[in-house]
Every structure is written in structure tokens, then in C-alpha cells.
Amino acid sequence: MSEVAADEAARTAFIRANTAILRPPHVPEIPLHMAAEAHELWLKTEDELREIGLPPPYWAFAWAGGQGLARFILDHPETVAGKTVLDFATGSGLVAIAAMKSGARRAQACDIDPFCAAATTLNAGLNQVPVETMTQDLIGTLGDWDVVLAGDVFYDRDLAGRLMPWFSALAAGGAIILVGDPGRAYLPISGLERLATYTVPVTRALEDAEVKTTSVWRIATP
């Protein structure tokens, strides 16, 4: 593992050096450290990133599902106001920041990539809100969250298979589970209630499209 991947200060410095402060088009209220097309990070292949010990930089982009979910939270602050919130697979921390800006009592941002924790801390500071970060795999954990938010998590079959039983168990325990999804391949076809749909501008280099129709879904209580 490289020094960049192993050291927290090095991760933070790497993020600062390879991003610019930009505003996601669907949630311009929340500036983020993001990769721009002009940055070298944008152009690196996964093999090149692996050589320097860097996982794929999901933290460097505002994905469609996260933008849609953050937009919903900002437009419906009562969803999180006064509540304890988990932003699962946080990436850049966008959704956790939206929750805190909407009056959440506490927001925890979880992602197994430590670069995401560093990016979230930077972005939370940029937006002047407190966000806690965690890097453990929380799937299966029955925490004390009132609301669990997850953007763009149904892109992988195995991950989707692990997520739905956990989400259902959390919902059965009284938590509100909201998912932002732009039609990923493994989004379940049942057990969901659509709350909103947005047309989200995205980057063609990531999505092979200029806009993605993105919905916010609530996981039904079993």
C-alpha cells in the first residue's frame, strides 16, 4: 500500500491536489471537492489508480443517485430534522451534508474506502456542518439511526443481495430507509415506494449520458 493510501494526512493532501471546489448541478447549495475534467485524476484508469494504492475515486464525483437523494432531503427537511441519520456508502459526503443542512441532529457518513472519509471531512468543513465518518462495513448492523440514506448502491448484484435484508430489518425496527437510484441494474423491483423523480445532469464520461432520470425510493416496512 502506498503512503498516500495509508496515511490520513496524505489522503487529505491528495484530495486537495486533485480536485477543485465545484457545485453539483442538481444541488448547487452544497460545494464539494470534486474532480474536474481538467484534472489528472479524471483521466487515470483503474489500473493506474491501483498502482498508486488508490481505490476507484468514487468520492471525487457527485453521482446521480446521491444528487437526487440530497435534493429530496433539502426540499423535504422534515424527513431528517432533529433525527440521527446514516449516509451509507457516502462517497463525497454529499447526502450527509444535505441532512445536516436540513436540521438533522447528527449525521454519520459511512464508506469502507478511507479516501471517502477524508473527502467527507473536507466537504463537511467546506459547508460548515459537523459530520462523523466511519469506514467499517456496517451491513447487518442494527444501529440507532432514525433515517438511513443510500445513494447509488444497487450497481452490483452481490452488494444488492446483502443490502435488501439489512434495509428491511432496519425498516422493521422503525427506521426510515431512503434510496436514491438512477436505474441501476440491481435496484429491486418490489418492496419500494417512489417518493420523487428528478432529471439530474451528470458527466458523460461517468454515465455515458448528459442527464439521468433519478428516483428517490422508500424501503417498505415488512
C-alpha atoms as a PDB file:
ATOM      1  CA  MET A   1       0.000   0.000   0.000  1.00  0.00           C
ATOM      2  CA  SER A   2       1.345   3.444  -0.883  1.00  0.00           C
ATOM      3  CA  GLU A   3       1.914   6.241   1.605  1.00  0.00           C
ATOM      4  CA  VAL A   4      -0.991   8.106   0.037  1.00  0.00           C
ATOM      5  CA  ALA A   5      -3.421   5.273   0.763  1.00  0.00           C
ATOM      6  CA  ALA A   6      -2.050   4.535   4.238  1.00  0.00           C
ATOM      7  CA  ASP A   7      -1.798   7.982   5.795  1.00  0.00           C
ATOM      8  CA  GLU A   8      -4.767  10.200   6.648  1.00  0.00           C
ATOM      9  CA  ALA A   9      -2.898  13.461   6.114  1.00  0.00           C
ATOM     10  CA  ALA A  10      -1.589  12.194   2.788  1.00  0.00           C
ATOM     11  CA  ARG A  11      -5.108  11.238   1.690  1.00  0.00           C
ATOM     12  CA  THR A  12      -6.353  14.721   2.520  1.00  0.00           C
ATOM     13  CA  ALA A  13      -3.453  16.326   0.666  1.00  0.00           C
ATOM     14  CA  PHE A  14      -4.062  14.067  -2.333  1.00  0.00           C
ATOM     15  CA  ILE A  15      -7.721  15.062  -2.483  1.00  0.00           C
ATOM     16  CA  ARG A  16      -6.903  18.763  -2.275  1.00  0.00           C
ATOM     17  CA  ALA A  17      -4.295  18.422  -5.028  1.00  0.00           C
ATOM     18  CA  ASN A  18      -6.553  16.501  -7.413  1.00  0.00           C
ATOM     19  CA  THR A  19      -9.873  18.310  -7.066  1.00  0.00           C
ATOM     20  CA  ALA A  20     -11.436  21.716  -7.379  1.00  0.00           C
ATOM     21  CA  ILE A  21     -14.284  23.202  -5.367  1.00  0.00           C
ATOM     22  CA  LEU A  22     -17.319  22.697  -7.604  1.00  0.00           C
ATOM     23  CA  ARG A  23     -21.088  22.695  -7.169  1.00  0.00           C
ATOM     24  CA  PRO A  24     -23.105  19.614  -8.218  1.00  0.00           C
ATOM     25  CA  PRO A  25     -25.645  20.836 -10.791  1.00  0.00           C
ATOM     26  CA  HIS A  26     -28.696  19.399  -9.017  1.00  0.00           C
ATOM     27  CA  VAL A  27     -27.646  20.593  -5.537  1.00  0.00           C
ATOM     28  CA  PRO A  28     -25.699  23.812  -6.138  1.00  0.00           C
ATOM     29  CA  GLU A  29     -26.205  24.790  -2.490  1.00  0.00           C
ATOM     30  CA  ILE A  30     -23.505  22.293  -1.489  1.00  0.00           C
ATOM     31  CA  PRO A  31     -19.977  22.922  -2.799  1.00  0.00           C
ATOM     32  CA  LEU A  32     -17.698  19.887  -2.866  1.00  0.00           C
ATOM     33  CA  HIS A  33     -14.105  18.967  -3.605  1.00  0.00           C
ATOM     34  CA  MET A  34     -14.644  17.182  -6.931  1.00  0.00           C
ATOM     35  CA  ALA A  35     -12.533  16.079  -9.859  1.00  0.00           C
ATOM     36  CA  ALA A  36     -12.929  18.200 -12.951  1.00  0.00           C
ATOM     37  CA  GLU A  37     -12.261  17.036 -16.494  1.00  0.00           C
ATOM     38  CA  ALA A  38      -9.037  19.022 -16.489  1.00  0.00           C
ATOM     39  CA  HIS A  39      -7.606  17.099 -13.556  1.00  0.00           C
ATOM     40  CA  GLU A  40      -5.258  14.169 -13.988  1.00  0.00           C
ATOM     41  CA  LEU A  41      -7.356  12.063 -11.598  1.00  0.00           C
ATOM     42  CA  TRP A  42     -10.254  12.113 -14.063  1.00  0.00           C
ATOM     43  CA  LEU A  43      -8.078  10.611 -16.768  1.00  0.00           C
ATOM     44  CA  LYS A  44      -6.463   7.791 -14.804  1.00  0.00           C
ATOM     45  CA  THR A  45      -7.556   4.238 -15.490  1.00  0.00           C
ATOM     46  CA  GLU A  46      -8.387   1.882 -12.630  1.00  0.00           C
ATOM     47  CA  ASP A  47      -5.097   0.054 -13.256  1.00  0.00           C
ATOM     48  CA  GLU A  48      -3.123   3.269 -12.844  1.00  0.00           C
ATOM     49  CA  LEU A  49      -5.005   4.119  -9.670  1.00  0.00           C
ATOM     50  CA  ARG A  50      -4.304   0.649  -8.288  1.00  0.00           C
ATOM     51  CA  GLU A  51      -0.586   1.133  -8.896  1.00  0.00           C
ATOM     52  CA  ILE A  52      -0.521   4.108  -6.516  1.00  0.00           C
ATOM     53  CA  GLY A  53      -2.711   2.326  -3.956  1.00  0.00           C
ATOM     54  CA  LEU A  54      -5.845   4.358  -4.638  1.00  0.00           C
ATOM     55  CA  PRO A  55      -9.249   2.653  -4.871  1.00  0.00           C
ATOM     56  CA  PRO A  56     -11.555   3.928  -7.651  1.00  0.00           C
ATOM     57  CA  PRO A  57     -12.241   7.545  -6.592  1.00  0.00           C
ATOM     58  CA  TYR A  58     -15.997   7.424  -6.056  1.00  0.00           C
ATOM     59  CA  TRP A  59     -15.535  10.282  -3.585  1.00  0.00           C
ATOM     60  CA  ALA A  60     -14.442  12.629  -6.378  1.00  0.00           C
ATOM     61  CA  PHE A  61     -17.780  12.804  -8.183  1.00  0.00           C
ATOM     62  CA  ALA A  62     -21.395  13.653  -7.343  1.00  0.00           C
ATOM     63  CA  TRP A  63     -23.261  10.599  -8.640  1.00  0.00           C
ATOM     64  CA  ALA A  64     -26.828  10.875  -9.896  1.00  0.00           C
ATOM     65  CA  GLY A  65     -28.399   8.854  -7.077  1.00  0.00           C
ATOM     66  CA  GLY A  66     -26.680  10.932  -4.420  1.00  0.00           C
ATOM     67  CA  GLN A  67     -27.636  14.200  -6.093  1.00  0.00           C
ATOM     68  CA  GLY A  68     -31.268  13.153  -6.307  1.00  0.00           C
ATOM     69  CA  LEU A  69     -31.340  11.999  -2.697  1.00  0.00           C
ATOM     70  CA  ALA A  70     -29.624  15.165  -1.460  1.00  0.00           C
ATOM     71  CA  ARG A  71     -32.112  17.285  -3.444  1.00  0.00           C
ATOM     72  CA  PHE A  72     -35.014  15.429  -1.832  1.00  0.00           C
ATOM     73  CA  ILE A  73     -33.608  15.974   1.664  1.00  0.00           C
ATOM     74  CA  LEU A  74     -33.023  19.679   1.066  1.00  0.00           C
ATOM     75  CA  ASP A  75     -36.549  20.073  -0.329  1.00  0.00           C
ATOM     76  CA  HIS A  76     -38.126  17.981   2.448  1.00  0.00           C
ATOM     77  CA  PRO A  77     -36.106  18.830   5.573  1.00  0.00           C
ATOM     78  CA  GLU A  78     -38.778  17.349   7.834  1.00  0.00           C
ATOM     79  CA  THR A  79     -37.509  13.946   6.718  1.00  0.00           C
ATOM     80  CA  VAL A  80     -34.355  14.349   8.805  1.00  0.00           C
ATOM     81  CA  ALA A  81     -34.926  17.338  11.088  1.00  0.00           C
ATOM     82  CA  GLY A  82     -33.981  16.508  14.680  1.00  0.00           C
ATOM     83  CA  LYS A  83     -33.067  12.942  13.747  1.00  0.00           C
ATOM     84  CA  THR A  84     -29.979  10.734  13.735  1.00  0.00           C
ATOM     85  CA  VAL A  85     -29.018   9.945  10.151  1.00  0.00           C
ATOM     86  CA  LEU A  86     -26.717   7.424   8.493  1.00  0.00           C
ATOM     87  CA  ASP A  87     -25.437   8.197   4.991  1.00  0.00           C
ATOM     88  CA  PHE A  88     -24.428   4.731   3.793  1.00  0.00           C
ATOM     89  CA  ALA A  89     -21.774   4.436   1.043  1.00  0.00           C
ATOM     90  CA  THR A  90     -21.312   8.161   1.391  1.00  0.00           C
ATOM     91  CA  GLY A  91     -18.657   8.794  -1.262  1.00  0.00           C
ATOM     92  CA  SER A  92     -18.123  12.551  -1.060  1.00  0.00           C
ATOM     93  CA  GLY A  93     -20.384  13.035   1.978  1.00  0.00           C
ATOM     94  CA  LEU A  94     -22.933  14.949  -0.115  1.00  0.00           C
ATOM     95  CA  VAL A  95     -26.049  13.334   1.343  1.00  0.00           C
ATOM     96  CA  ALA A  96     -24.844  13.564   4.957  1.00  0.00           C
ATOM     97  CA  ILE A  97     -24.090  17.253   4.430  1.00  0.00           C
ATOM     98  CA  ALA A  98     -27.564  17.787   2.973  1.00  0.00           C
ATOM     99  CA  ALA A  99     -29.028  16.111   6.069  1.00  0.00           C
ATOM    100  CA  MET A 100     -27.129  18.394   8.436  1.00  0.00           C
ATOM    101  CA  LYS A 101     -28.096  21.462   6.416  1.00  0.00           C
ATOM    102  CA  SER A 102     -31.703  20.291   6.737  1.00  0.00           C
ATOM    103  CA  GLY A 103     -31.613  20.146  10.530  1.00  0.00           C
ATOM    104  CA  ALA A 104     -30.546  16.597  11.345  1.00  0.00           C
ATOM    105  CA  ARG A 105     -29.430  16.229  14.952  1.00  0.00           C
ATOM    106  CA  ARG A 106     -26.497  14.033  13.939  1.00  0.00           C
ATOM    107  CA  ALA A 107     -25.170  12.611  10.683  1.00  0.00           C
ATOM    108  CA  GLN A 108     -22.822   9.682  10.304  1.00  0.00           C
ATOM    109  CA  ALA A 109     -21.219   9.076   6.903  1.00  0.00           C
ATOM    110  CA  CYS A 110     -20.031   5.533   6.266  1.00  0.00           C
ATOM    111  CA  ASP A 111     -17.870   4.161   3.455  1.00  0.00           C
ATOM    112  CA  ILE A 112     -15.286   1.378   3.516  1.00  0.00           C
ATOM    113  CA  ASP A 113     -12.890   3.488   1.416  1.00  0.00           C
ATOM    114  CA  PRO A 114     -10.813   5.685   3.762  1.00  0.00           C
ATOM    115  CA  PHE A 115     -10.462   8.266   0.993  1.00  0.00           C
ATOM    116  CA  CYS A 116     -14.222   8.811   1.308  1.00  0.00           C
ATOM    117  CA  ALA A 117     -13.810   9.634   4.991  1.00  0.00           C
ATOM    118  CA  ALA A 118     -11.125  12.177   4.157  1.00  0.00           C
ATOM    119  CA  ALA A 119     -13.235  13.696   1.370  1.00  0.00           C
ATOM    120  CA  THR A 120     -16.306  13.842   3.596  1.00  0.00           C
ATOM    121  CA  THR A 121     -14.397  15.614   6.346  1.00  0.00           C
ATOM    122  CA  LEU A 122     -13.083  18.174   3.853  1.00  0.00           C
ATOM    123  CA  ASN A 123     -16.520  18.709   2.319  1.00  0.00           C
ATOM    124  CA  ALA A 124     -18.287  18.967   5.667  1.00  0.00           C
ATOM    125  CA  GLY A 125     -15.786  21.629   6.706  1.00  0.00           C
ATOM    126  CA  LEU A 126     -16.322  23.456   3.436  1.00  0.00           C
ATOM    127  CA  ASN A 127     -20.061  23.521   4.195  1.00  0.00           C
ATOM    128  CA  GLN A 128     -19.566  24.338   7.893  1.00  0.00           C
ATOM    129  CA  VAL A 129     -21.517  21.365   9.229  1.00  0.00           C
ATOM    130  CA  PRO A 130     -20.356  18.532  11.511  1.00  0.00           C
ATOM    131  CA  VAL A 131     -20.378  15.033  10.015  1.00  0.00           C
ATOM    132  CA  GLU A 132     -18.968  11.917  11.667  1.00  0.00           C
ATOM    133  CA  THR A 133     -17.156   9.436   9.433  1.00  0.00           C
ATOM    134  CA  MET A 134     -16.844   5.648   9.687  1.00  0.00           C
ATOM    135  CA  THR A 135     -15.006   3.146   7.500  1.00  0.00           C
ATOM    136  CA  GLN A 136     -16.290  -0.174   8.825  1.00  0.00           C
ATOM    137  CA  ASP A 137     -18.692  -2.404   6.897  1.00  0.00           C
ATOM    138  CA  LEU A 138     -21.992  -1.678   8.612  1.00  0.00           C
ATOM    139  CA  ILE A 139     -24.166  -4.044   6.602  1.00  0.00           C
ATOM    140  CA  GLY A 140     -26.109  -6.171   9.090  1.00  0.00           C
ATOM    141  CA  THR A 141     -25.618  -3.715  11.969  1.00  0.00           C
ATOM    142  CA  LEU A 142     -28.835  -2.661  13.680  1.00  0.00           C
ATOM    143  CA  GLY A 143     -27.800   0.800  14.784  1.00  0.00           C
ATOM    144  CA  ASP A 144     -29.881   3.502  16.423  1.00  0.00           C
ATOM    145  CA  TRP A 145     -30.407   5.552  13.259  1.00  0.00           C
ATOM    146  CA  ASP A 146     -33.766   7.186  12.675  1.00  0.00           C
ATOM    147  CA  VAL A 147     -33.076   7.602   8.963  1.00  0.00           C
ATOM    148  CA  VAL A 148     -30.730   5.692   6.650  1.00  0.00           C
ATOM    149  CA  LEU A 149     -29.876   7.301   3.313  1.00  0.00           C
ATOM    150  CA  ALA A 150     -28.178   5.465   0.450  1.00  0.00           C
ATOM    151  CA  GLY A 151     -27.368   6.899  -2.959  1.00  0.00           C
ATOM    152  CA  ASP A 152     -26.362   4.764  -5.938  1.00  0.00           C
ATOM    153  CA  VAL A 153     -25.861   1.457  -4.118  1.00  0.00           C
ATOM    154  CA  PHE A 154     -27.589  -1.032  -6.440  1.00  0.00           C
ATOM    155  CA  TYR A 155     -24.878  -1.255  -9.094  1.00  0.00           C
ATOM    156  CA  ASP A 156     -23.580  -4.689  -8.008  1.00  0.00           C
ATOM    157  CA  ARG A 157     -25.535  -7.962  -7.675  1.00  0.00           C
ATOM    158  CA  ASP A 158     -23.736  -9.247  -4.569  1.00  0.00           C
ATOM    159  CA  LEU A 159     -23.961  -5.904  -2.788  1.00  0.00           C
ATOM    160  CA  ALA A 160     -27.666  -5.599  -3.588  1.00  0.00           C
ATOM    161  CA  GLY A 161     -28.216  -9.088  -2.196  1.00  0.00           C
ATOM    162  CA  ARG A 162     -26.638  -8.056   1.096  1.00  0.00           C
ATOM    163  CA  LEU A 163     -28.332  -4.677   1.297  1.00  0.00           C
ATOM    164  CA  MET A 164     -32.007  -5.535   0.977  1.00  0.00           C
ATOM    165  CA  PRO A 165     -32.240  -7.880   4.011  1.00  0.00           C
ATOM    166  CA  TRP A 166     -30.404  -5.263   6.077  1.00  0.00           C
ATOM    167  CA  PHE A 167     -32.546  -2.388   4.853  1.00  0.00           C
ATOM    168  CA  SER A 168     -35.693  -4.433   5.511  1.00  0.00           C
ATOM    169  CA  ALA A 169     -34.543  -5.249   9.057  1.00  0.00           C
ATOM    170  CA  LEU A 170     -33.813  -1.587   9.752  1.00  0.00           C
ATOM    171  CA  ALA A 171     -37.220  -0.588   8.373  1.00  0.00           C
ATOM    172  CA  ALA A 172     -38.884  -3.241  10.529  1.00  0.00           C
ATOM    173  CA  GLY A 173     -37.171  -1.658  13.523  1.00  0.00           C
ATOM    174  CA  GLY A 174     -38.726   1.711  12.750  1.00  0.00           C
ATOM    175  CA  ALA A 175     -36.045   3.437  10.674  1.00  0.00           C
ATOM    176  CA  ILE A 176     -36.844   5.353   7.502  1.00  0.00           C
ATOM    177  CA  ILE A 177     -34.731   3.967   4.645  1.00  0.00           C
ATOM    178  CA  LEU A 178     -34.415   6.167   1.557  1.00  0.00           C
ATOM    179  CA  VAL A 179     -32.532   5.226  -1.593  1.00  0.00           C
ATOM    180  CA  GLY A 180     -31.538   7.456  -4.494  1.00  0.00           C
ATOM    181  CA  ASP A 181     -31.179   5.491  -7.724  1.00  0.00           C
ATOM    182  CA  PRO A 182     -30.896   6.378 -11.437  1.00  0.00           C
ATOM    183  CA  GLY A 183     -31.998   2.972 -12.679  1.00  0.00           C
ATOM    184  CA  ARG A 184     -29.018   0.844 -11.698  1.00  0.00           C
ATOM    185  CA  ALA A 185     -29.148  -2.769 -12.794  1.00  0.00           C
ATOM    186  CA  TYR A 186     -29.870  -4.343  -9.412  1.00  0.00           C
ATOM    187  CA  LEU A 187     -32.457  -1.987  -7.970  1.00  0.00           C
ATOM    188  CA  PRO A 188     -35.159  -4.273  -6.516  1.00  0.00           C
ATOM    189  CA  ILE A 189     -38.437  -4.406  -8.405  1.00  0.00           C
ATOM    190  CA  SER A 190     -40.585  -4.775  -5.287  1.00  0.00           C
ATOM    191  CA  GLY A 191     -40.688  -3.510  -1.720  1.00  0.00           C
ATOM    192  CA  LEU A 192     -40.118   0.110  -2.722  1.00  0.00           C
ATOM    193  CA  GLU A 193     -42.272   3.255  -2.645  1.00  0.00           C
ATOM    194  CA  ARG A 194     -41.330   6.023  -5.087  1.00  0.00           C
ATOM    195  CA  LEU A 195     -41.266   9.433  -3.380  1.00  0.00           C
ATOM    196  CA  ALA A 196     -39.835  11.684  -6.095  1.00  0.00           C
ATOM    197  CA  THR A 197     -38.227  11.646  -9.539  1.00  0.00           C
ATOM    198  CA  TYR A 198     -35.681  14.123 -10.873  1.00  0.00           C
ATOM    199  CA  THR A 199     -33.794  14.751 -14.077  1.00  0.00           C
ATOM    200  CA  VAL A 200     -30.210  15.048 -12.882  1.00  0.00           C
ATOM    201  CA  PRO A 201     -27.397  16.498 -15.033  1.00  0.00           C
ATOM    202  CA  VAL A 202     -24.387  14.170 -15.000  1.00  0.00           C
ATOM    203  CA  THR A 203     -20.991  13.859 -16.620  1.00  0.00           C
ATOM    204  CA  ARG A 204     -20.936  11.869 -19.849  1.00  0.00           C
ATOM    205  CA  ALA A 205     -17.521  10.409 -19.003  1.00  0.00           C
ATOM    206  CA  LEU A 206     -19.098   8.681 -15.973  1.00  0.00           C
ATOM    207  CA  GLU A 207     -22.588   7.843 -17.140  1.00  0.00           C
ATOM    208  CA  ASP A 208     -22.436   7.883 -20.964  1.00  0.00           C
ATOM    209  CA  ALA A 209     -25.285  10.374 -20.804  1.00  0.00           C
ATOM    210  CA  GLU A 210     -25.828  14.050 -20.039  1.00  0.00           C
ATOM    211  CA  VAL A 211     -28.831  13.525 -17.761  1.00  0.00           C
ATOM    212  CA  LYS A 212     -30.110  10.617 -15.676  1.00  0.00           C
ATOM    213  CA  THR A 213     -33.684  10.134 -14.516  1.00  0.00           C
ATOM    214  CA  THR A 214     -33.219   9.529 -10.816  1.00  0.00           C
ATOM    215  CA  SER A 215     -35.826   8.453  -8.280  1.00  0.00           C
ATOM    216  CA  VAL A 216     -35.916   8.549  -4.514  1.00  0.00           C
ATOM    217  CA  TRP A 217     -37.426   5.399  -3.036  1.00  0.00           C
ATOM    218  CA  ARG A 218     -38.500   4.446   0.461  1.00  0.00           C
ATOM    219  CA  ILE A 219     -37.922   0.853   1.539  1.00  0.00           C
ATOM    220  CA  ALA A 220     -41.268  -0.569   2.611  1.00  0.00           C
ATOM    221  CA  THR A 221     -41.743  -1.837   6.137  1.00  0.00           C
ATOM    222  CA  PRO A 222     -42.011  -5.656   6.063  1.00  0.00           C
END
